[in-house]
Amino acid sequence: MTPSIFARQPLALRMTAVLLIVALILMWFDSKNPEWFKPIRTTSHAAMQPIYELSLLPSYAKHWSSGSLQSKEALRRENVQLKSQLIHAQAKLQQQDYILAQNARLQGILSTTRPEQFDLNLAQVIGTDTNLLRQIVVLNKGEQDGVQVGQTVIDEDGILGQIINVYPNTSRLLLITDEQQSVAVTVKRTGQRAIVTGQGIPTSLSLDYVFKTSDVRVGDELVSSGLGGRIPAGYRVGRIAHIEDTQADNFRSIDVTPAANFVDNAYVLILQDKLANKDSIGVNEPL
């Protein structure tokens, strides 16, 4: 007997042909009576749902990562904006606190600086000077942003220093913690004037030329006096941390904790005078 065509084909091919015929028959019945196969279609769709969702995972991941990056960038911009607003507000509060203290004492010792006298230019610290013995940092604002040599720089807590070099897009800030820098100050509680000098480290200053008979105490706040006109009056410089009477002379040895953050400060404010350009900074001269 001559074998049939199916007998001469491989088993896999025969099974495929049989399944194809069965499928065609089922499709014909389904077209004639759709309700018969409705439960089967429902069950198959439900079974395929996880596969559909799994196939969409790459698309979901792409949209999530894109949205996450956009959200982080939006949060970063909002954080910078809020930081700028906070620094501006706290800088003005320093002035208001100073003026209130002056009115309470009824003394015209200090020449106050009006907050509206300055444009407050927010800048970012982008580096430090190559000379590790100097207290100098680099800012991301320069001549194109209106920065000039001699302009005072503060943060939300107090005075940082003055601009000593200006380039088109950057500038160099000499901190008051530098050993060659000094600031004319007044003791806020009593109005006594003195000089604060840097010690070459970011965590300590010294208060010079204070007699042993002077009324100074640990915890007294020091603010800029404006003497010499280089730094405006009324901005916080530091607070007296330690007082020691030496046998060598009539002056006291006084350590001061800086008010400004010289260790970790990403953003600063450059005070740009609206009325007149400031003179260049002078080294070894009270600011």
Foldseek 3Di string as FASTA:
>chain_A
DDDDPLVVDDPVVSVVVVVVVVVVVVVVVCVVPVVVCVVVVVVVVVVCVVVVVVVCVVVVVVVVVVVVVVVVVVVVVVVVVVQVVLFLVLQQVLLVVLVVLCVVVVDPQFDGDDSVQWDWDKWFFDAADPPLQFLKTKTQAFVCNVDDALWWKATSFFTFATWAAGDHGMTMGGGQQHQFAKAWKAFSVPRHIWIWHHDSDQFKIWTPDAFPPDDDDFFTWIWGRCVPVSDGTRTTFFTWHDWADDPPDRIITTMTTGRGRSDDDTMMITTHGPPDDDDHDDTNDHD
